[in-house]
């Protein structure tokens, strides 16, 4: 690692964004459709792909994210799903609750992927 140089970082306050996003979370009809598509898809990579596409268009509240995580059977798929959903989850204060859907080894893996 370099021992000289300058590190610069920008900080963005997200308060206005979060308030707007709370009113634009995925509606119940689209959520049920996404959950159903994930359930009927056999291939977990296709499930992750559908989830990523949905997260580009919609925000999710914490309960929606938790329920979607439980649709995935393998730990690695839950990890990939959570990484895909993180930018779209609006209730960041309670994000630690999502970790309840993960096994102890997956929790450790997520700390490696996205930090504590």
Foldseek 3Di string as FASTA:
>chain_A
DDPDDDDDDDDDDCPVVLVVQVVFADDPVVLVVLLVVLLPDPDLVVNLVSLLVVLVPHAHEPVSLLVSLLSDDDQVSSLSSCVSRVVRYSPVVVNVVSCVSHDPVSVVVSCVVPND
